[in-house]
């Protein structure tokens, strides 16, 4: 089963690869009805963690605590970061893996994707925000892997939306107009990205955004207005009641149409009316923040093929209105605004985003830095390496600090400082025993990584590009002579 997965802040959307078509996968909701997304919700009743539709069904119940925007925490978190969900103490990595494991199970048991019932791992391309750093990308990659997915690659969400744009609006792209401005307002994040769609390639050439701006914030504004109308202070709300009211606000907001004049929100069993004009006026500051970001990435109107409006929260009528005031007829809203990224990811998995040259990108390895406090992407082979020559070689020597080295290899569009910029393609994981007593063992996956008590051995990593574009890596303990060689290649 091949899938494009847009792991969203409030909703996860999945598109399947089906003989040149990319249908959206539907899931069975708590009421038995099929819905076109999987709720990105984690909740607890105090005894166990619930995910997806099971969590959504318990929203607002007494004693139930819910987290609707777990993806926001991943923006600056690490796997071992402690998290308390109600009385349950856990870690960010465990919650993300549990969430995606539930998604995996629901794809098999509670979706309309019958091919997912076949045995074996589900192969997927996964979206990440364009501004996501190396730590967030690796955290996401590890969580999908722990959940049982075979991740073929990771792609910037606006880049994926650009692929879907090219799939639908290819005629707007010309040699002189190959830039697409993607305005992506999701449930919890905002991205403004300029995607260059040159030939079959694509690259985010400019990006600005906010990992803490999205539809959730518009819901908060509507809640405040509804409470004012009802004469209730927001300080009076406990966590469960607040979550329940926010859900009512989200549902009311999604009924908005260009001709709407009022919004009706259920507040403690009574219907409260909020004038649409008052809601839009209160949202102006949020809209201005998105347009400020657009101004940072947009520079050349002559090269602009179109403005593509995607993301579930972009369905708010004032979004298209404000953008059309600026860009006129070039604004195009996706027919499936909340699903365009997932469709683009499915197109990528179907061959639509395979780079023409392996090393038009950067190959490297994720390493821990600052004594394990941070994760950085260490570039090994740069985009200008001569693939055809097959003779490019790099080496690195150092004293090992741990009993086992875990090398997570990947390639990306480019690197800024020690952060990955652009889409990421995993190449594989290599484990090498630095501790002498482990050299020769084949069960390194079962051994915990720990720091060595004394000075570790002198180690050499050597990398060679082969004519096929594959990379051969040789890791050697120069003191014991123990060595292992691995052939790497893009997934």
Foldseek 3Di string as FASTA:
>chain_A
DEWAWELAQFWIWIWADDPNDTDTKWFQAPVRDTDRTWTQKWKDLPPDIDETRVLVVCFLPPSMFMDRGLLLCLQPDAQQCWDDGRPDIDGSLVSLLVHLLVVLVRVCVTIPPPVSVDDAAYEYEYEDALPRWPRSVVSNVVSNVSSRHRYQWYFHLVQLLVLLCCVPPVVLDDPQAQWEFEFAAAAAWTKTFIWGCDPLAIFGPDIDIGNGAHVLVLLVLQLVQQCVQVVHDPVVDDNRLVRVQSVQSSVQQVVDDPPDQWTWGQHPNDTGIDGPVVSVVSCVVSLVVSVVRNVRHDDDPRRHSAYEYAYPRCPRVVNVVVVCVPNNPRYDYDPHRNCSSRSSRNCVVVPSHDDPALLCWFKFWWDAPPVNPDIFTDTFDHSPDDQQVQFDKGKDKDWDFKQKDKTWIKIANYDDPRIGRGIIFTWDIDMDGQHPVCQPDDPCVPDDIDTDPDITAMKMWMWTRGNVRWIKIKIARVVVGRIDIDITDTD
